[in-house]
Amino acid sequence: MSVKLLLVGCGNMGFAMLDGWVRSGKLVPGEVFAIEPNEALRERAAKLGVAVAASADDVPAGIDPTVVIFAVKPQMMRDVVPAYRRFTDKAAFVSIAAGTGVAALESLLGSDVPIIRCMPNTPAAIGKGMMVVYANGSVSAETKAFVSELLSASGEVAEIDDERLMDAVTAVSGSGPAYVFHFIECLAAAGEKAGLPAEVAKLLAMQTVYGAASLARESGEEPGRLREQVTSPNGTTAAALGVLMGGDRLKSLVADAVEAARARGEELGKS
């Protein structure tokens, strides 16, 4: 079989990535073989036209993937990964398991095996994610390009050359969606407190964050410049920003939050 990619795990993130590859045309179904022990999830993947199996033992002889991607829970990695050592002669390996470092993967697969660690975030499920990758020294430029092209179906892709920065990546883009969701909650609650009906306040909050983020992404302007364009001297926005920005209040709070997440990630990595 002409399989380019072996996908291990078809849960929410794994399936979202698979769906993105097929829908975007980056891979045709016949180039993918998916492994998923859960029958319902396996059948869902099969509906995309890819070959599926319940375990590594069920992968037929002759399957010779270019890349093996692990999309399983971090706590399952040590039990799952060793079953795929048979592919180490030719395949590169990609992990999206949070907190699982390259050294841990090398200990399971071999120190000279090409390994890429990827930190995605939840918007990847709708093709709007942020994927950050770190590759060990055995990964070729060709493989990096192939993996980046695949990941781009789920959003933007960036590369770091120091794995220690992955804790900072996790703190900003990995955990970041939760910060934004909470801001939407807070903005909606404030709107409701100001007299708006609950559903109207929720819609205003969500669409405002969505629109502002889209404008920041697409306009080419620096976020600070966009903020200045909205802020009339002595106007309503200036009054609100006086509360948020006074004494660097929000900037300091966000910095503290990111540092707390980064430190916790480092702590979990050591454990």
C-alpha atoms as a PDB file:
ATOM      1  CA  MET A   1       0.000   0.000   0.000  1.00  0.00           C
ATOM      2  CA  SER A   2       1.208   3.525  -0.819  1.00  0.00           C
ATOM      3  CA  VAL A   3       0.818   4.894   2.712  1.00  0.00           C
ATOM      4  CA  LYS A   4       2.556   8.155   3.518  1.00  0.00           C
ATOM      5  CA  LEU A   5       1.181   8.583   7.010  1.00  0.00           C
ATOM      6  CA  LEU A   6       0.294   6.335   9.905  1.00  0.00           C
ATOM      7  CA  LEU A   7      -1.980   8.152  12.373  1.00  0.00           C
ATOM      8  CA  VAL A   8      -2.075   6.679  15.866  1.00  0.00           C
ATOM      9  CA  GLY A   9      -5.177   7.943  17.680  1.00  0.00           C
ATOM     10  CA  CYS A  10      -8.401   9.306  16.168  1.00  0.00           C
ATOM     11  CA  GLY A  11      -9.878  11.145  19.129  1.00  0.00           C
ATOM     12  CA  ASN A  12     -10.958  14.771  18.842  1.00  0.00           C
ATOM     13  CA  MET A  13      -7.598  16.227  17.831  1.00  0.00           C
ATOM     14  CA  GLY A  14      -6.452  13.266  15.758  1.00  0.00           C
ATOM     15  CA  PHE A  15      -9.699  13.147  13.815  1.00  0.00           C
ATOM     16  CA  ALA A  16      -9.735  16.934  13.311  1.00  0.00           C
ATOM     17  CA  MET A  17      -6.236  16.750  11.817  1.00  0.00           C
ATOM     18  CA  LEU A  18      -7.173  13.771   9.641  1.00  0.00           C
ATOM     19  CA  ASP A  19     -10.314  15.511   8.417  1.00  0.00           C
ATOM     20  CA  GLY A  20      -8.267  18.613   7.581  1.00  0.00           C
ATOM     21  CA  TRP A  21      -5.713  16.621   5.567  1.00  0.00           C
ATOM     22  CA  VAL A  22      -8.371  14.882   3.513  1.00  0.00           C
ATOM     23  CA  ARG A  23     -10.630  17.902   2.973  1.00  0.00           C
ATOM     24  CA  SER A  24      -7.718  20.148   1.986  1.00  0.00           C
ATOM     25  CA  GLY A  25      -6.329  17.574  -0.412  1.00  0.00           C
ATOM     26  CA  LYS A  26      -2.953  17.524   1.343  1.00  0.00           C
ATOM     27  CA  LEU A  27      -3.395  13.760   1.523  1.00  0.00           C
ATOM     28  CA  VAL A  28      -5.742  11.431  -0.321  1.00  0.00           C
ATOM     29  CA  PRO A  29      -7.459   8.789   1.844  1.00  0.00           C
ATOM     30  CA  GLY A  30      -5.383   5.977   0.359  1.00  0.00           C
ATOM     31  CA  GLU A  31      -2.206   7.588   1.704  1.00  0.00           C
ATOM     32  CA  VAL A  32      -3.349   7.334   5.335  1.00  0.00           C
ATOM     33  CA  PHE A  33      -3.658   4.393   7.708  1.00  0.00           C
ATOM     34  CA  ALA A  34      -5.286   5.160  11.069  1.00  0.00           C
ATOM     35  CA  ILE A  35      -4.985   3.210  14.320  1.00  0.00           C
ATOM     36  CA  GLU A  36      -7.767   3.637  16.876  1.00  0.00           C
ATOM     37  CA  PRO A  37      -8.831   1.064  19.516  1.00  0.00           C
ATOM     38  CA  ASN A  38     -12.248   2.664  20.115  1.00  0.00           C
ATOM     39  CA  GLU A  39     -14.680   1.140  17.614  1.00  0.00           C
ATOM     40  CA  ALA A  40     -16.937   4.190  17.260  1.00  0.00           C
ATOM     41  CA  LEU A  41     -13.968   6.513  16.678  1.00  0.00           C
ATOM     42  CA  ARG A  42     -12.424   4.022  14.276  1.00  0.00           C
ATOM     43  CA  GLU A  43     -15.649   3.862  12.243  1.00  0.00           C
ATOM     44  CA  ARG A  44     -15.821   7.670  12.172  1.00  0.00           C
ATOM     45  CA  ALA A  45     -12.318   7.796  10.685  1.00  0.00           C
ATOM     46  CA  ALA A  46     -13.171   5.076   8.174  1.00  0.00           C
ATOM     47  CA  LYS A  47     -15.993   7.238   6.796  1.00  0.00           C
ATOM     48  CA  LEU A  48     -13.302   9.582   5.452  1.00  0.00           C
ATOM     49  CA  GLY A  49     -12.104   6.722   3.252  1.00  0.00           C
ATOM     50  CA  VAL A  50      -8.892   5.890   5.128  1.00  0.00           C
ATOM     51  CA  ALA A  51      -7.833   2.388   6.099  1.00  0.00           C
ATOM     52  CA  VAL A  52      -8.217   1.695   9.812  1.00  0.00           C
ATOM     53  CA  ALA A  53      -7.136  -0.842  12.397  1.00  0.00           C
ATOM     54  CA  ALA A  54      -7.611  -1.347  16.122  1.00  0.00           C
ATOM     55  CA  SER A  55      -3.937  -1.719  17.071  1.00  0.00           C
ATOM     56  CA  ALA A  56      -0.387  -1.732  15.752  1.00  0.00           C
ATOM     57  CA  ASP A  57      -0.567  -5.520  15.527  1.00  0.00           C
ATOM     58  CA  ASP A  58      -3.341  -5.172  12.947  1.00  0.00           C
ATOM     59  CA  VAL A  59      -1.278  -3.067  10.545  1.00  0.00           C
ATOM     60  CA  PRO A  60      -0.651  -5.291   7.508  1.00  0.00           C
ATOM     61  CA  ALA A  61       2.821  -6.149   6.338  1.00  0.00           C
ATOM     62  CA  GLY A  62       3.890  -3.885   3.517  1.00  0.00           C
ATOM     63  CA  ILE A  63       2.739  -0.678   5.159  1.00  0.00           C
ATOM     64  CA  ASP A  64       5.791   1.568   4.972  1.00  0.00           C
ATOM     65  CA  PRO A  65       4.828   5.094   6.126  1.00  0.00           C
ATOM     66  CA  THR A  66       6.932   8.204   5.691  1.00  0.00           C
ATOM     67  CA  VAL A  67       5.602   9.657   8.936  1.00  0.00           C
ATOM     68  CA  VAL A  68       3.992   8.209  12.065  1.00  0.00           C
ATOM     69  CA  ILE A  69       1.939  10.707  14.085  1.00  0.00           C
ATOM     70  CA  PHE A  70       0.993  10.014  17.693  1.00  0.00           C
ATOM     71  CA  ALA A  71      -2.246  11.765  18.654  1.00  0.00           C
ATOM     72  CA  VAL A  72      -2.853  10.027  21.971  1.00  0.00           C
ATOM     73  CA  LYS A  73      -3.061  11.200  25.566  1.00  0.00           C
ATOM     74  CA  PRO A  74       0.339  11.917  27.207  1.00  0.00           C
ATOM     75  CA  GLN A  75      -0.194   9.273  29.880  1.00  0.00           C
ATOM     76  CA  MET A  76      -0.625   6.625  27.183  1.00  0.00           C
ATOM     77  CA  MET A  77       2.578   7.348  25.269  1.00  0.00           C
ATOM     78  CA  ARG A  78       4.896   4.951  27.098  1.00  0.00           C
ATOM     79  CA  ASP A  79       2.474   2.094  26.497  1.00  0.00           C
ATOM     80  CA  VAL A  80       1.638   2.983  22.878  1.00  0.00           C
ATOM     81  CA  VAL A  81       4.891   4.153  21.266  1.00  0.00           C
ATOM     82  CA  PRO A  82       7.058   0.981  21.539  1.00  0.00           C
ATOM     83  CA  ALA A  83       4.663  -0.952  19.283  1.00  0.00           C
ATOM     84  CA  TYR A  84       5.736   1.273  16.374  1.00  0.00           C
ATOM     85  CA  ARG A  85       9.488   0.654  16.595  1.00  0.00           C
ATOM     86  CA  ARG A  86       9.158  -1.575  13.516  1.00  0.00           C
ATOM     87  CA  PHE A  87       8.856   1.597  11.424  1.00  0.00           C
ATOM     88  CA  THR A  88      11.991   3.329  12.734  1.00  0.00           C
ATOM     89  CA  ASP A  89      14.154   2.291   9.762  1.00  0.00           C
ATOM     90  CA  LYS A  90      12.399   4.682   7.372  1.00  0.00           C
ATOM     91  CA  ALA A  91       9.740   6.754   9.146  1.00  0.00           C
ATOM     92  CA  ALA A  92       9.922  10.006  11.046  1.00  0.00           C
ATOM     93  CA  PHE A  93       7.782  10.307  14.170  1.00  0.00           C
ATOM     94  CA  VAL A  94       5.605  13.229  15.259  1.00  0.00           C
ATOM     95  CA  SER A  95       4.016  13.599  18.697  1.00  0.00           C
ATOM     96  CA  ILE A  96       1.279  16.028  19.683  1.00  0.00           C
ATOM     97  CA  ALA A  97       1.165  14.705  23.263  1.00  0.00           C
ATOM     98  CA  ALA A  98       1.520  17.652  25.643  1.00  0.00           C
ATOM     99  CA  GLY A  99       4.451  17.467  28.035  1.00  0.00           C
ATOM    100  CA  THR A 100       6.142  14.530  26.300  1.00  0.00           C
ATOM    101  CA  GLY A 101       9.635  15.688  25.413  1.00  0.00           C
ATOM    102  CA  VAL A 102      11.833  14.516  22.570  1.00  0.00           C
ATOM    103  CA  ALA A 103      14.205  12.787  25.014  1.00  0.00           C
ATOM    104  CA  ALA A 104      11.331  10.646  26.306  1.00  0.00           C
ATOM    105  CA  LEU A 105      10.408   9.677  22.749  1.00  0.00           C
ATOM    106  CA  GLU A 106      14.036   8.927  21.890  1.00  0.00           C
ATOM    107  CA  SER A 107      14.201   6.611  24.901  1.00  0.00           C
ATOM    108  CA  LEU A 108      11.259   4.670  23.448  1.00  0.00           C
ATOM    109  CA  LEU A 109      12.216   4.724  19.766  1.00  0.00           C
ATOM    110  CA  GLY A 110      15.978   5.271  19.591  1.00  0.00           C
ATOM    111  CA  SER A 111      18.292   8.267  19.885  1.00  0.00           C
ATOM    112  CA  ASP A 112      18.972   8.447  16.132  1.00  0.00           C
ATOM    113  CA  VAL A 113      15.307   8.306  15.054  1.00  0.00           C
ATOM    114  CA  PRO A 114      13.837  11.469  13.439  1.00  0.00           C
ATOM    115  CA  ILE A 115      11.375  12.922  15.957  1.00  0.00           C
ATOM    116  CA  ILE A 116       9.240  16.059  15.850  1.00  0.00           C
ATOM    117  CA  ARG A 117       7.367  17.356  18.859  1.00  0.00           C
ATOM    118  CA  CYS A 118       4.302  19.478  18.111  1.00  0.00           C
ATOM    119  CA  MET A 119       2.214  21.665  20.421  1.00  0.00           C
ATOM    120  CA  PRO A 120      -1.182  22.379  18.829  1.00  0.00           C
ATOM    121  CA  ASN A 121      -4.108  24.219  20.394  1.00  0.00           C
ATOM    122  CA  THR A 122      -7.826  23.525  20.354  1.00  0.00           C
ATOM    123  CA  PRO A 123      -8.750  25.872  17.444  1.00  0.00           C
ATOM    124  CA  ALA A 124      -6.853  23.390  15.273  1.00  0.00           C
ATOM    125  CA  ALA A 125     -10.109  21.402  15.363  1.00  0.00           C
ATOM    126  CA  ILE A 126     -11.646  24.005  13.007  1.00  0.00           C
ATOM    127  CA  GLY A 127      -8.512  24.760  10.991  1.00  0.00           C
ATOM    128  CA  LYS A 128      -7.712  27.916  12.984  1.00  0.00           C
ATOM    129  CA  GLY A 129      -5.057  26.500  15.277  1.00  0.00           C
ATOM    130  CA  MET A 130      -1.484  27.379  16.156  1.00  0.00           C
ATOM    131  CA  MET A 131       0.992  24.532  15.840  1.00  0.00           C
ATOM    132  CA  VAL A 132       4.557  24.929  17.104  1.00  0.00           C
ATOM    133  CA  VAL A 133       7.139  22.274  16.294  1.00  0.00           C
ATOM    134  CA  TYR A 134      10.565  21.278  17.544  1.00  0.00           C
ATOM    135  CA  ALA A 135      12.644  18.703  15.656  1.00  0.00           C
ATOM    136  CA  ASN A 136      15.621  16.685  16.830  1.00  0.00           C
ATOM    137  CA  GLY A 137      18.834  16.608  14.838  1.00  0.00           C
ATOM    138  CA  SER A 138      17.852  13.510  12.869  1.00  0.00           C
ATOM    139  CA  VAL A 139      14.956  15.183  11.050  1.00  0.00           C
ATOM    140  CA  SER A 140      15.750  16.145   7.458  1.00  0.00           C
ATOM    141  CA  ALA A 141      14.721  19.448   5.896  1.00  0.00           C
ATOM    142  CA  GLU A 142      12.488  17.494   3.516  1.00  0.00           C
ATOM    143  CA  THR A 143      10.654  15.812   6.397  1.00  0.00           C
ATOM    144  CA  LYS A 144      10.247  19.120   8.232  1.00  0.00           C
ATOM    145  CA  ALA A 145       8.683  20.635   5.140  1.00  0.00           C
ATOM    146  CA  PHE A 146       6.341  17.666   4.656  1.00  0.00           C
ATOM    147  CA  VAL A 147       5.167  17.734   8.280  1.00  0.00           C
ATOM    148  CA  SER A 148       4.725  21.509   8.269  1.00  0.00           C
ATOM    149  CA  GLU A 149       2.640  21.269   5.122  1.00  0.00           C
ATOM    150  CA  LEU A 150       0.407  18.669   6.767  1.00  0.00           C
ATOM    151  CA  LEU A 151       0.025  20.676   9.958  1.00  0.00           C
ATOM    152  CA  SER A 152      -0.857  23.805   7.994  1.00  0.00           C
ATOM    153  CA  ALA A 153      -4.236  22.218   7.246  1.00  0.00           C
ATOM    154  CA  SER A 154      -5.038  22.873  10.903  1.00  0.00           C
ATOM    155  CA  GLY A 155      -3.802  26.488  11.056  1.00  0.00           C
ATOM    156  CA  GLU A 156      -0.517  28.350  11.349  1.00  0.00           C
ATOM    157  CA  VAL A 157       2.801  26.537  11.920  1.00  0.00           C
ATOM    158  CA  ALA A 158       5.923  27.889  13.611  1.00  0.00           C
ATOM    159  CA  GLU A 159       9.231  26.207  14.503  1.00  0.00           C
ATOM    160  CA  ILE A 160      11.448  26.691  17.531  1.00  0.00           C
ATOM    161  CA  ASP A 161      15.061  25.517  17.764  1.00  0.00           C
ATOM    162  CA  ASP A 162      15.210  25.233  21.569  1.00  0.00           C
ATOM    163  CA  GLU A 163      12.877  22.663  23.087  1.00  0.00           C
ATOM    164  CA  ARG A 164      13.012  24.428  26.448  1.00  0.00           C
ATOM    165  CA  LEU A 165      10.827  27.134  24.888  1.00  0.00           C
ATOM    166  CA  MET A 166       7.981  24.637  24.513  1.00  0.00           C
ATOM    167  CA  ASP A 167       6.790  25.472  28.050  1.00  0.00           C
ATOM    168  CA  ALA A 168       6.453  29.105  26.985  1.00  0.00           C
ATOM    169  CA  VAL A 169       4.669  28.018  23.805  1.00  0.00           C
ATOM    170  CA  THR A 170       2.234  25.998  25.897  1.00  0.00           C
ATOM    171  CA  ALA A 171       1.645  28.959  28.194  1.00  0.00           C
ATOM    172  CA  VAL A 172       0.876  31.339  25.309  1.00  0.00           C
ATOM    173  CA  SER A 173      -0.805  29.411  22.488  1.00  0.00           C
ATOM    174  CA  GLY A 174      -1.523  26.046  24.104  1.00  0.00           C
ATOM    175  CA  SER A 175      -3.355  27.428  27.133  1.00  0.00           C
ATOM    176  CA  GLY A 176      -4.139  30.771  25.487  1.00  0.00           C
ATOM    177  CA  PRO A 177      -7.561  29.822  24.096  1.00  0.00           C
ATOM    178  CA  ALA A 178      -8.777  29.317  27.669  1.00  0.00           C
ATOM    179  CA  TYR A 179      -7.683  32.857  28.535  1.00  0.00           C
ATOM    180  CA  VAL A 180      -9.653  34.216  25.574  1.00  0.00           C
ATOM    181  CA  PHE A 181     -12.712  32.123  26.411  1.00  0.00           C
ATOM    182  CA  HIS A 182     -12.625  33.504  29.936  1.00  0.00           C
ATOM    183  CA  PHE A 183     -12.346  37.051  28.610  1.00  0.00           C
ATOM    184  CA  ILE A 184     -15.458  36.404  26.505  1.00  0.00           C
ATOM    185  CA  GLU A 185     -17.217  35.152  29.640  1.00  0.00           C
ATOM    186  CA  CYS A 186     -16.187  38.268  31.544  1.00  0.00           C
ATOM    187  CA  LEU A 187     -17.145  40.668  28.745  1.00  0.00           C
ATOM    188  CA  ALA A 188     -20.554  39.018  28.349  1.00  0.00           C
ATOM    189  CA  ALA A 189     -21.155  39.125  32.100  1.00  0.00           C
ATOM    190  CA  ALA A 190     -20.203  42.815  32.172  1.00  0.00           C
ATOM    191  CA  GLY A 191     -22.593  43.529  29.314  1.00  0.00           C
ATOM    192  CA  GLU A 192     -25.385  41.763  31.124  1.00  0.00           C
ATOM    193  CA  LYS A 193     -24.615  43.715  34.296  1.00  0.00           C
ATOM    194  CA  ALA A 194     -24.844  46.914  32.222  1.00  0.00           C
ATOM    195  CA  GLY A 195     -28.413  45.979  31.269  1.00  0.00           C
ATOM    196  CA  LEU A 196     -28.128  43.913  28.090  1.00  0.00           C
ATOM    197  CA  PRO A 197     -30.151  40.701  27.723  1.00  0.00           C
ATOM    198  CA  ALA A 198     -27.925  37.693  28.410  1.00  0.00           C
ATOM    199  CA  GLU A 199     -28.019  36.299  24.866  1.00  0.00           C
ATOM    200  CA  VAL A 200     -27.339  39.711  23.325  1.00  0.00           C
ATOM    201  CA  ALA A 201     -24.406  40.293  25.691  1.00  0.00           C
ATOM    202  CA  LYS A 202     -22.972  36.876  24.812  1.00  0.00           C
ATOM    203  CA  LEU A 203     -23.290  37.517  21.073  1.00  0.00           C
ATOM    204  CA  LEU A 204     -21.684  40.958  21.375  1.00  0.00           C
ATOM    205  CA  ALA A 205     -18.778  39.548  23.379  1.00  0.00           C
ATOM    206  CA  MET A 206     -18.089  36.602  21.060  1.00  0.00           C
ATOM    207  CA  GLN A 207     -18.419  38.524  17.809  1.00  0.00           C
ATOM    208  CA  THR A 208     -16.347  41.432  19.113  1.00  0.00           C
ATOM    209  CA  VAL A 209     -13.454  39.143  20.086  1.00  0.00           C
ATOM    210  CA  TYR A 210     -13.746  37.215  16.815  1.00  0.00           C
ATOM    211  CA  GLY A 211     -13.865  40.367  14.717  1.00  0.00           C
ATOM    212  CA  ALA A 212     -11.042  42.108  16.560  1.00  0.00           C
ATOM    213  CA  ALA A 213      -8.794  39.036  16.289  1.00  0.00           C
ATOM    214  CA  SER A 214      -9.579  38.715  12.585  1.00  0.00           C
ATOM    215  CA  LEU A 215      -8.799  42.390  12.008  1.00  0.00           C
ATOM    216  CA  ALA A 216      -5.525  42.092  13.907  1.00  0.00           C
ATOM    217  CA  ARG A 217      -4.594  39.024  11.847  1.00  0.00           C
ATOM    218  CA  GLU A 218      -5.572  40.386   8.446  1.00  0.00           C
ATOM    219  CA  SER A 219      -4.929  44.128   8.572  1.00  0.00           C
ATOM    220  CA  GLY A 220      -1.137  44.005   8.766  1.00  0.00           C
ATOM    221  CA  GLU A 221      -1.216  46.658  11.499  1.00  0.00           C
ATOM    222  CA  GLU A 222       0.399  46.207  14.893  1.00  0.00           C
ATOM    223  CA  PRO A 223      -2.189  45.472  17.626  1.00  0.00           C
ATOM    224  CA  GLY A 224      -1.109  48.586  19.510  1.00  0.00           C
ATOM    225  CA  ARG A 225      -1.762  50.725  16.440  1.00  0.00           C
ATOM    226  CA  LEU A 226      -5.210  49.199  15.998  1.00  0.00           C
ATOM    227  CA  ARG A 227      -5.968  49.953  19.653  1.00  0.00           C
ATOM    228  CA  GLU A 228      -4.974  53.573  19.121  1.00  0.00           C
ATOM    229  CA  GLN A 229      -7.224  53.846  16.066  1.00  0.00           C
ATOM    230  CA  VAL A 230     -10.251  52.787  18.126  1.00  0.00           C
ATOM    231  CA  THR A 231      -9.425  55.081  21.041  1.00  0.00           C
ATOM    232  CA  SER A 232     -10.668  58.662  20.705  1.00  0.00           C
ATOM    233  CA  PRO A 233      -9.159  61.127  23.215  1.00  0.00           C
ATOM    234  CA  ASN A 234     -11.361  61.389  26.321  1.00  0.00           C
ATOM    235  CA  GLY A 235     -13.888  59.020  24.732  1.00  0.00           C
ATOM    236  CA  THR A 236     -15.609  55.878  25.988  1.00  0.00           C
ATOM    237  CA  THR A 237     -12.829  53.506  24.903  1.00  0.00           C
ATOM    238  CA  ALA A 238     -10.219  55.698  26.571  1.00  0.00           C
ATOM    239  CA  ALA A 239     -12.231  55.557  29.801  1.00  0.00           C
ATOM    240  CA  ALA A 240     -12.321  51.763  29.687  1.00  0.00           C
ATOM    241  CA  LEU A 241      -8.653  51.423  28.787  1.00  0.00           C
ATOM    242  CA  GLY A 242      -7.806  53.691  31.696  1.00  0.00           C
ATOM    243  CA  VAL A 243      -9.132  50.921  33.923  1.00  0.00           C
ATOM    244  CA  LEU A 244      -7.511  48.020  32.029  1.00  0.00           C
ATOM    245  CA  MET A 245      -4.167  49.691  31.331  1.00  0.00           C
ATOM    246  CA  GLY A 246      -3.773  51.844  34.422  1.00  0.00           C
ATOM    247  CA  GLY A 247      -0.599  50.801  36.211  1.00  0.00           C
ATOM    248  CA  ASP A 248      -0.105  48.163  33.504  1.00  0.00           C
ATOM    249  CA  ARG A 249      -2.875  46.252  35.287  1.00  0.00           C
ATOM    250  CA  LEU A 250      -3.933  43.921  32.469  1.00  0.00           C
ATOM    251  CA  LYS A 251      -0.409  43.567  31.060  1.00  0.00           C
ATOM    252  CA  SER A 252       0.880  42.515  34.453  1.00  0.00           C
ATOM    253  CA  LEU A 253      -2.016  40.127  35.064  1.00  0.00           C
ATOM    254  CA  VAL A 254      -1.532  38.388  31.704  1.00  0.00           C
ATOM    255  CA  ALA A 255       2.233  38.169  32.237  1.00  0.00           C
ATOM    256  CA  ASP A 256       1.656  36.557  35.641  1.00  0.00           C
ATOM    257  CA  ALA A 257      -0.830  34.097  34.138  1.00  0.00           C
ATOM    258  CA  VAL A 258       1.537  33.074  31.338  1.00  0.00           C
ATOM    259  CA  GLU A 259       4.413  32.670  33.776  1.00  0.00           C
ATOM    260  CA  ALA A 260       2.267  30.496  36.058  1.00  0.00           C
ATOM    261  CA  ALA A 261       1.400  28.253  33.107  1.00  0.00           C
ATOM    262  CA  ARG A 262       5.025  28.138  31.899  1.00  0.00           C
ATOM    263  CA  ALA A 263       6.337  27.251  35.372  1.00  0.00           C
ATOM    264  CA  ARG A 264       3.712  24.556  35.811  1.00  0.00           C
ATOM    265  CA  GLY A 265       4.598  23.091  32.415  1.00  0.00           C
ATOM    266  CA  GLU A 266       8.259  22.967  33.397  1.00  0.00           C
ATOM    267  CA  GLU A 267       7.323  21.307  36.686  1.00  0.00           C
ATOM    268  CA  LEU A 268       5.187  18.682  34.944  1.00  0.00           C
ATOM    269  CA  GLY A 269       7.972  18.016  32.445  1.00  0.00           C
ATOM    270  CA  LYS A 270      10.425  17.246  35.224  1.00  0.00           C
ATOM    271  CA  SER A 271       7.981  14.873  36.903  1.00  0.00           C
END
